Amino acid sequence: MIRKATAQDFEEIHKIINDAAVAYRGVIPDDRWHEPYMTRAELQNQINDGVQFTCYCEYDRMLGVMGIQDKKEVLLIRHAYVLTSYRNKGIGTKLLGELIYKQGKPILIGTWKDATWAIAFYLKNGFRLVTEEEKELLLRKYWNIPERQVETSVVLCDNKYEHEKTKFLARGSVSQRDQVVSGTRGQSPPPYDGLSTDPHNKSLKPTPWITRGK
C-alpha cells in the first residue's frame, strides 16, 4: 500500500533513511559522509521546508519512503530510500510512479555523482542527466546545499523540464560560483536525495511502469 506520511510516521521515516543510506558509505566522498546520515533535526528541517513524504507499506510495516518538494516552478523528488532488506523489489519504482503521476510541473532529482545505482534507477524510469552547466545552475537555484556538494552531485530531469528548460536557464548564471547559501561552506551537507538501493547490483532490469497505489 502507498499512502501519504503523517506526523506519526516521523520515527519510521528517520529509521528507513539512515538504514538505506549506509549504501553511500565508502562510495560518496569521505568528506560528504557523516553518521547518522540524517539527524532528526535535519529531517524535521526538511519537512518544515516543504518536503512531503509518501510511504510504501506492507502488512502495516513501512518499507520505503520518498519525498516531493514544490519549488513553484518545478517539483523536486527528495530523499528516496528503501529498507536494505527490501531492495530491488520494485518499491522505489512504485513510489516514484505515485509521486510523478499526473504532475503538471517539470520534475528534477538530485543525487550523488558516485551513486551510480541511483542514477541508473532514474534513467531506467525515464529521467535523463542534465549537462554540467545546467546542473550547477539548478542545484544553486532549487537546493540548499554547500558548494562541495554541488561539485559532487548530478541532476536528472523529466521530459517536461526538457521542453521548458530555456525559461529556467535564462534566469541565472552558473558562473556565479560564490552564490551559495550563506554559512553552508565547510559544513556537513544535508542528506541527499538519491534512491538508496543496492550499489553492487550491476544488472538493473527494466521494470514496467506501476499504476498508482491506493
C-alpha atoms as a PDB file:
ATOM      1  CA  MET A   1       0.000   0.000   0.000  1.00  0.00           C
ATOM      2  CA  ILE A   2       1.161   3.519  -0.805  1.00  0.00           C
ATOM      3  CA  ARG A   3      -0.036   6.387   1.383  1.00  0.00           C
ATOM      4  CA  LYS A   4       0.857   9.885   2.452  1.00  0.00           C
ATOM      5  CA  ALA A   5       3.039  10.112   5.540  1.00  0.00           C
ATOM      6  CA  THR A   6       1.678  11.591   8.750  1.00  0.00           C
ATOM      7  CA  ALA A   7       3.372  13.166  11.756  1.00  0.00           C
ATOM      8  CA  GLN A   8       3.172   9.788  13.477  1.00  0.00           C
ATOM      9  CA  ASP A   9       5.476   8.310  10.805  1.00  0.00           C
ATOM     10  CA  PHE A  10       8.416  10.549  11.692  1.00  0.00           C
ATOM     11  CA  GLU A  11      10.499   7.963  13.554  1.00  0.00           C
ATOM     12  CA  GLU A  12       9.941   5.254  10.930  1.00  0.00           C
ATOM     13  CA  ILE A  13      10.933   7.626   8.120  1.00  0.00           C
ATOM     14  CA  HIS A  14      14.069   8.582  10.040  1.00  0.00           C
ATOM     15  CA  LYS A  15      14.915   4.921  10.590  1.00  0.00           C
ATOM     16  CA  ILE A  16      14.464   3.959   6.922  1.00  0.00           C
ATOM     17  CA  ILE A  17      16.562   6.868   5.647  1.00  0.00           C
ATOM     18  CA  ASN A  18      19.514   6.001   7.866  1.00  0.00           C
ATOM     19  CA  ASP A  19      19.226   2.266   7.274  1.00  0.00           C
ATOM     20  CA  ALA A  20      19.227   2.675   3.496  1.00  0.00           C
ATOM     21  CA  ALA A  21      21.828   5.446   3.375  1.00  0.00           C
ATOM     22  CA  VAL A  22      24.516   3.028   4.573  1.00  0.00           C
ATOM     23  CA  ALA A  23      24.844   2.175   0.871  1.00  0.00           C
ATOM     24  CA  TYR A  24      26.579   5.537   0.418  1.00  0.00           C
ATOM     25  CA  ARG A  25      29.347   4.794   2.911  1.00  0.00           C
ATOM     26  CA  GLY A  26      32.630   4.281   1.086  1.00  0.00           C
ATOM     27  CA  VAL A  27      31.041   5.331  -2.210  1.00  0.00           C
ATOM     28  CA  ILE A  28      30.460   9.056  -1.924  1.00  0.00           C
ATOM     29  CA  PRO A  29      33.449  11.255  -0.965  1.00  0.00           C
ATOM     30  CA  ASP A  30      34.552  10.727   2.629  1.00  0.00           C
ATOM     31  CA  ASP A  31      34.078  14.397   3.437  1.00  0.00           C
ATOM     32  CA  ARG A  32      30.412  14.112   2.428  1.00  0.00           C
ATOM     33  CA  TRP A  33      29.612  11.119   4.644  1.00  0.00           C
ATOM     34  CA  HIS A  34      28.622  11.504   8.282  1.00  0.00           C
ATOM     35  CA  GLU A  35      26.744   9.435  10.857  1.00  0.00           C
ATOM     36  CA  PRO A  36      23.900   9.450  11.284  1.00  0.00           C
ATOM     37  CA  TYR A  37      23.394  10.304   7.643  1.00  0.00           C
ATOM     38  CA  MET A  38      20.300  12.335   8.564  1.00  0.00           C
ATOM     39  CA  THR A  39      19.647  13.542  12.093  1.00  0.00           C
ATOM     40  CA  ARG A  40      16.152  14.023  13.446  1.00  0.00           C
ATOM     41  CA  ALA A  41      16.704  17.771  13.372  1.00  0.00           C
ATOM     42  CA  GLU A  42      17.687  17.620   9.698  1.00  0.00           C
ATOM     43  CA  LEU A  43      14.637  15.551   8.856  1.00  0.00           C
ATOM     44  CA  GLN A  44      12.380  17.990  10.680  1.00  0.00           C
ATOM     45  CA  ASN A  45      14.006  20.879   8.831  1.00  0.00           C
ATOM     46  CA  GLN A  46      13.305  19.165   5.515  1.00  0.00           C
ATOM     47  CA  ILE A  47       9.640  18.697   6.450  1.00  0.00           C
ATOM     48  CA  ASN A  48       9.415  22.305   7.625  1.00  0.00           C
ATOM     49  CA  ASP A  49      10.888  23.346   4.270  1.00  0.00           C
ATOM     50  CA  GLY A  50       8.034  21.695   2.421  1.00  0.00           C
ATOM     51  CA  VAL A  51       9.187  18.139   1.701  1.00  0.00           C
ATOM     52  CA  GLN A  52       6.108  15.900   1.749  1.00  0.00           C
ATOM     53  CA  PHE A  53       6.782  12.212   2.239  1.00  0.00           C
ATOM     54  CA  THR A  54       4.937   9.252   0.776  1.00  0.00           C
ATOM     55  CA  CYS A  55       5.350   5.787   2.259  1.00  0.00           C
ATOM     56  CA  TYR A  56       5.236   2.251   0.911  1.00  0.00           C
ATOM     57  CA  CYS A  57       3.876  -0.231   3.440  1.00  0.00           C
ATOM     58  CA  GLU A  58       3.168  -3.950   3.561  1.00  0.00           C
ATOM     59  CA  TYR A  59       1.234  -5.552   6.409  1.00  0.00           C
ATOM     60  CA  ASP A  60       1.352  -2.249   8.332  1.00  0.00           C
ATOM     61  CA  ARG A  61       5.147  -2.128   8.109  1.00  0.00           C
ATOM     62  CA  MET A  62       6.821   0.813   6.358  1.00  0.00           C
ATOM     63  CA  LEU A  63       9.435  -0.391   3.851  1.00  0.00           C
ATOM     64  CA  GLY A  64      10.249   2.677   1.797  1.00  0.00           C
ATOM     65  CA  VAL A  65       9.815   6.441   1.635  1.00  0.00           C
ATOM     66  CA  MET A  66      10.118   9.153  -0.983  1.00  0.00           C
ATOM     67  CA  GLY A  67       9.530  12.876  -0.735  1.00  0.00           C
ATOM     68  CA  ILE A  68       8.425  15.610  -3.107  1.00  0.00           C
ATOM     69  CA  GLN A  69       9.002  19.334  -2.717  1.00  0.00           C
ATOM     70  CA  ASP A  70       7.183  22.075  -4.600  1.00  0.00           C
ATOM     71  CA  LYS A  71       9.575  24.862  -5.628  1.00  0.00           C
ATOM     72  CA  LYS A  72       6.916  26.859  -7.512  1.00  0.00           C
ATOM     73  CA  GLU A  73       8.430  26.445 -10.990  1.00  0.00           C
ATOM     74  CA  VAL A  74       9.492  22.827 -10.562  1.00  0.00           C
ATOM     75  CA  LEU A  75       8.980  19.808  -8.314  1.00  0.00           C
ATOM     76  CA  LEU A  76      11.907  18.069  -6.641  1.00  0.00           C
ATOM     77  CA  ILE A  77      11.957  14.362  -5.787  1.00  0.00           C
ATOM     78  CA  ARG A  78      13.642  14.205  -2.388  1.00  0.00           C
ATOM     79  CA  HIS A  79      15.010  11.557  -0.053  1.00  0.00           C
ATOM     80  CA  ALA A  80      14.114   8.293  -1.781  1.00  0.00           C
ATOM     81  CA  TYR A  81      15.026   5.319   0.410  1.00  0.00           C
ATOM     82  CA  VAL A  82      14.063   1.657   0.783  1.00  0.00           C
ATOM     83  CA  LEU A  83      14.998  -0.583   3.712  1.00  0.00           C
ATOM     84  CA  THR A  84      18.189  -2.516   2.982  1.00  0.00           C
ATOM     85  CA  SER A  85      16.487  -5.897   3.268  1.00  0.00           C
ATOM     86  CA  TYR A  86      13.785  -4.922   0.744  1.00  0.00           C
ATOM     87  CA  ARG A  87      15.911  -3.512  -2.056  1.00  0.00           C
ATOM     88  CA  ASN A  88      15.437  -4.493  -5.692  1.00  0.00           C
ATOM     89  CA  LYS A  89      11.787  -5.454  -5.180  1.00  0.00           C
ATOM     90  CA  GLY A  90      10.231  -2.603  -7.166  1.00  0.00           C
ATOM     91  CA  ILE A  91       9.335  -0.466  -4.155  1.00  0.00           C
ATOM     92  CA  GLY A  92      11.258   2.566  -5.390  1.00  0.00           C
ATOM     93  CA  THR A  93       9.597   2.352  -8.806  1.00  0.00           C
ATOM     94  CA  LYS A  94       6.145   2.213  -7.224  1.00  0.00           C
ATOM     95  CA  LEU A  95       6.848   5.231  -5.044  1.00  0.00           C
ATOM     96  CA  LEU A  96       8.284   7.223  -7.938  1.00  0.00           C
ATOM     97  CA  GLY A  97       5.316   6.361 -10.127  1.00  0.00           C
ATOM     98  CA  GLU A  98       2.929   7.508  -7.411  1.00  0.00           C
ATOM     99  CA  LEU A  99       4.681  10.836  -6.890  1.00  0.00           C
ATOM    100  CA  ILE A 100       5.038  11.850 -10.536  1.00  0.00           C
ATOM    101  CA  TYR A 101       1.578  10.666 -11.624  1.00  0.00           C
ATOM    102  CA  LYS A 102      -0.328  13.484 -13.346  1.00  0.00           C
ATOM    103  CA  GLN A 103       2.104  16.162 -12.151  1.00  0.00           C
ATOM    104  CA  GLY A 104       1.931  19.281 -14.264  1.00  0.00           C
ATOM    105  CA  LYS A 105       5.300  20.830 -13.382  1.00  0.00           C
ATOM    106  CA  PRO A 106       8.783  19.774 -14.520  1.00  0.00           C
ATOM    107  CA  ILE A 107      10.453  17.333 -12.118  1.00  0.00           C
ATOM    108  CA  LEU A 108      14.105  17.428 -11.044  1.00  0.00           C
ATOM    109  CA  ILE A 109      16.099  14.927  -8.991  1.00  0.00           C
ATOM    110  CA  GLY A 110      19.489  15.443  -7.367  1.00  0.00           C
ATOM    111  CA  THR A 111      21.804  12.670  -6.241  1.00  0.00           C
ATOM    112  CA  TRP A 112      25.479  11.937  -5.641  1.00  0.00           C
ATOM    113  CA  LYS A 113      27.657  11.654  -8.735  1.00  0.00           C
ATOM    114  CA  ASP A 114      29.198   8.426  -7.421  1.00  0.00           C
ATOM    115  CA  ALA A 115      25.846   6.804  -6.586  1.00  0.00           C
ATOM    116  CA  THR A 116      25.733   5.113  -9.987  1.00  0.00           C
ATOM    117  CA  TRP A 117      22.985   2.692  -8.955  1.00  0.00           C
ATOM    118  CA  ALA A 118      20.681   5.594  -8.057  1.00  0.00           C
ATOM    119  CA  ILE A 119      21.425   7.341 -11.351  1.00  0.00           C
ATOM    120  CA  ALA A 120      20.720   4.100 -13.230  1.00  0.00           C
ATOM    121  CA  PHE A 121      17.383   3.755 -11.428  1.00  0.00           C
ATOM    122  CA  TYR A 122      16.194   7.179 -12.539  1.00  0.00           C
ATOM    123  CA  LEU A 123      17.481   6.718 -16.089  1.00  0.00           C
ATOM    124  CA  LYS A 124      15.576   3.440 -16.253  1.00  0.00           C
ATOM    125  CA  ASN A 125      12.433   5.279 -15.215  1.00  0.00           C
ATOM    126  CA  GLY A 126      12.563   7.902 -17.952  1.00  0.00           C
ATOM    127  CA  PHE A 127      14.710  10.682 -16.478  1.00  0.00           C
ATOM    128  CA  ARG A 128      17.886  11.991 -18.066  1.00  0.00           C
ATOM    129  CA  LEU A 129      21.039  13.684 -16.814  1.00  0.00           C
ATOM    130  CA  VAL A 130      21.298  17.410 -17.422  1.00  0.00           C
ATOM    131  CA  THR A 131      24.568  18.987 -18.542  1.00  0.00           C
ATOM    132  CA  GLU A 132      27.200  20.018 -16.018  1.00  0.00           C
ATOM    133  CA  GLU A 133      26.373  23.680 -16.633  1.00  0.00           C
ATOM    134  CA  GLU A 134      22.651  23.116 -16.107  1.00  0.00           C
ATOM    135  CA  LYS A 135      23.356  21.059 -13.004  1.00  0.00           C
ATOM    136  CA  GLU A 136      25.295  23.842 -11.321  1.00  0.00           C
ATOM    137  CA  LEU A 137      22.616  26.409 -12.037  1.00  0.00           C
ATOM    138  CA  LEU A 138      19.760  24.162 -10.919  1.00  0.00           C
ATOM    139  CA  LEU A 139      21.418  22.987  -7.690  1.00  0.00           C
ATOM    140  CA  ARG A 140      22.150  26.552  -6.653  1.00  0.00           C
ATOM    141  CA  LYS A 141      18.651  27.708  -7.536  1.00  0.00           C
ATOM    142  CA  TYR A 142      16.427  24.964  -6.118  1.00  0.00           C
ATOM    143  CA  TRP A 143      18.519  23.182  -3.465  1.00  0.00           C
ATOM    144  CA  ASN A 144      20.029  24.472  -0.236  1.00  0.00           C
ATOM    145  CA  ILE A 145      23.423  22.730  -0.275  1.00  0.00           C
ATOM    146  CA  PRO A 146      27.092  23.712   0.155  1.00  0.00           C
ATOM    147  CA  GLU A 147      29.471  24.248  -2.749  1.00  0.00           C
ATOM    148  CA  ARG A 148      31.279  20.949  -2.206  1.00  0.00           C
ATOM    149  CA  GLN A 149      28.005  19.095  -2.616  1.00  0.00           C
ATOM    150  CA  VAL A 150      27.321  20.907  -5.874  1.00  0.00           C
ATOM    151  CA  GLU A 151      30.678  19.640  -7.149  1.00  0.00           C
ATOM    152  CA  THR A 152      29.968  16.018  -6.234  1.00  0.00           C
ATOM    153  CA  SER A 153      26.372  15.784  -7.465  1.00  0.00           C
ATOM    154  CA  VAL A 154      24.273  15.320 -10.580  1.00  0.00           C
ATOM    155  CA  VAL A 155      20.763  16.404 -11.531  1.00  0.00           C
ATOM    156  CA  LEU A 156      18.265  14.420 -13.573  1.00  0.00           C
ATOM    157  CA  CYS A 157      15.165  15.809 -15.255  1.00  0.00           C
ATOM    158  CA  ASP A 158      11.948  14.655 -16.884  1.00  0.00           C
ATOM    159  CA  ASN A 159      10.593  15.465 -20.345  1.00  0.00           C
ATOM    160  CA  LYS A 160       8.627  18.471 -19.112  1.00  0.00           C
ATOM    161  CA  TYR A 161      11.830  20.167 -17.997  1.00  0.00           C
ATOM    162  CA  GLU A 162      13.496  19.296 -21.300  1.00  0.00           C
ATOM    163  CA  HIS A 163      10.709  21.041 -23.208  1.00  0.00           C
ATOM    164  CA  GLU A 164      10.703  24.128 -20.980  1.00  0.00           C
ATOM    165  CA  LYS A 165      14.318  24.404 -19.840  1.00  0.00           C
ATOM    166  CA  THR A 166      15.163  27.600 -21.705  1.00  0.00           C
ATOM    167  CA  LYS A 167      12.998  29.627 -19.335  1.00  0.00           C
ATOM    168  CA  PHE A 168      14.805  28.168 -16.315  1.00  0.00           C
ATOM    169  CA  LEU A 169      18.329  28.528 -17.691  1.00  0.00           C
ATOM    170  CA  ALA A 170      17.731  32.116 -18.759  1.00  0.00           C
ATOM    171  CA  ARG A 171      17.178  33.257 -15.174  1.00  0.00           C
ATOM    172  CA  GLY A 172      20.654  32.871 -13.762  1.00  0.00           C
ATOM    173  CA  SER A 173      24.323  32.385 -14.489  1.00  0.00           C
ATOM    174  CA  VAL A 174      26.312  29.369 -13.388  1.00  0.00           C
ATOM    175  CA  SER A 175      29.442  31.489 -13.426  1.00  0.00           C
ATOM    176  CA  GLN A 176      28.321  32.996 -10.124  1.00  0.00           C
ATOM    177  CA  ARG A 177      30.034  30.281  -8.103  1.00  0.00           C
ATOM    178  CA  ASP A 178      30.007  32.214  -4.876  1.00  0.00           C
ATOM    179  CA  GLN A 179      26.232  32.428  -4.757  1.00  0.00           C
ATOM    180  CA  VAL A 180      25.991  29.537  -2.318  1.00  0.00           C
ATOM    181  CA  VAL A 181      23.717  29.592   0.681  1.00  0.00           C
ATOM    182  CA  SER A 182      25.319  31.674   3.399  1.00  0.00           C
ATOM    183  CA  GLY A 183      27.021  29.708   6.120  1.00  0.00           C
ATOM    184  CA  THR A 184      26.984  26.318   4.384  1.00  0.00           C
ATOM    185  CA  ARG A 185      30.568  26.197   3.137  1.00  0.00           C
ATOM    186  CA  GLY A 186      32.621  23.646   5.035  1.00  0.00           C
ATOM    187  CA  GLN A 187      29.660  22.252   6.966  1.00  0.00           C
ATOM    188  CA  SER A 188      28.323  18.739   6.703  1.00  0.00           C
ATOM    189  CA  PRO A 189      25.874  18.569   3.795  1.00  0.00           C
ATOM    190  CA  PRO A 190      22.171  17.985   4.241  1.00  0.00           C
ATOM    191  CA  PRO A 191      21.451  14.337   3.442  1.00  0.00           C
ATOM    192  CA  TYR A 192      20.935  13.810  -0.247  1.00  0.00           C
ATOM    193  CA  ASP A 193      18.052  12.560  -2.259  1.00  0.00           C
ATOM    194  CA  GLY A 194      19.161   9.731  -4.490  1.00  0.00           C
ATOM    195  CA  LEU A 195      17.451   6.385  -4.242  1.00  0.00           C
ATOM    196  CA  SER A 196      19.492   4.151  -1.965  1.00  0.00           C
ATOM    197  CA  THR A 197      19.202   0.682  -3.429  1.00  0.00           C
ATOM    198  CA  ASP A 198      21.891  -1.945  -3.845  1.00  0.00           C
ATOM    199  CA  PRO A 199      25.118  -0.318  -5.125  1.00  0.00           C
ATOM    200  CA  HIS A 200      26.527  -3.726  -6.039  1.00  0.00           C
ATOM    201  CA  ASN A 201      23.648  -4.692  -8.311  1.00  0.00           C
ATOM    202  CA  LYS A 202      25.072  -4.253 -11.821  1.00  0.00           C
ATOM    203  CA  SER A 203      22.172  -5.880 -13.656  1.00  0.00           C
ATOM    204  CA  LEU A 204      19.324  -3.419 -13.349  1.00  0.00           C
ATOM    205  CA  LYS A 205      16.465  -4.736 -15.434  1.00  0.00           C
ATOM    206  CA  PRO A 206      13.745  -2.530 -16.927  1.00  0.00           C
ATOM    207  CA  THR A 207      10.648  -2.518 -14.771  1.00  0.00           C
ATOM    208  CA  PRO A 208       7.157  -1.975 -16.193  1.00  0.00           C
ATOM    209  CA  TRP A 209       5.515   1.268 -15.098  1.00  0.00           C
ATOM    210  CA  ILE A 210       3.438   0.768 -11.990  1.00  0.00           C
ATOM    211  CA  THR A 211      -0.107   2.039 -11.580  1.00  0.00           C
ATOM    212  CA  ARG A 212      -0.897   4.291  -8.689  1.00  0.00           C
ATOM    213  CA  GLY A 213      -1.166   2.864  -5.225  1.00  0.00           C
ATOM    214  CA  LYS A 214      -4.410   3.232  -3.348  1.00  0.00           C
END
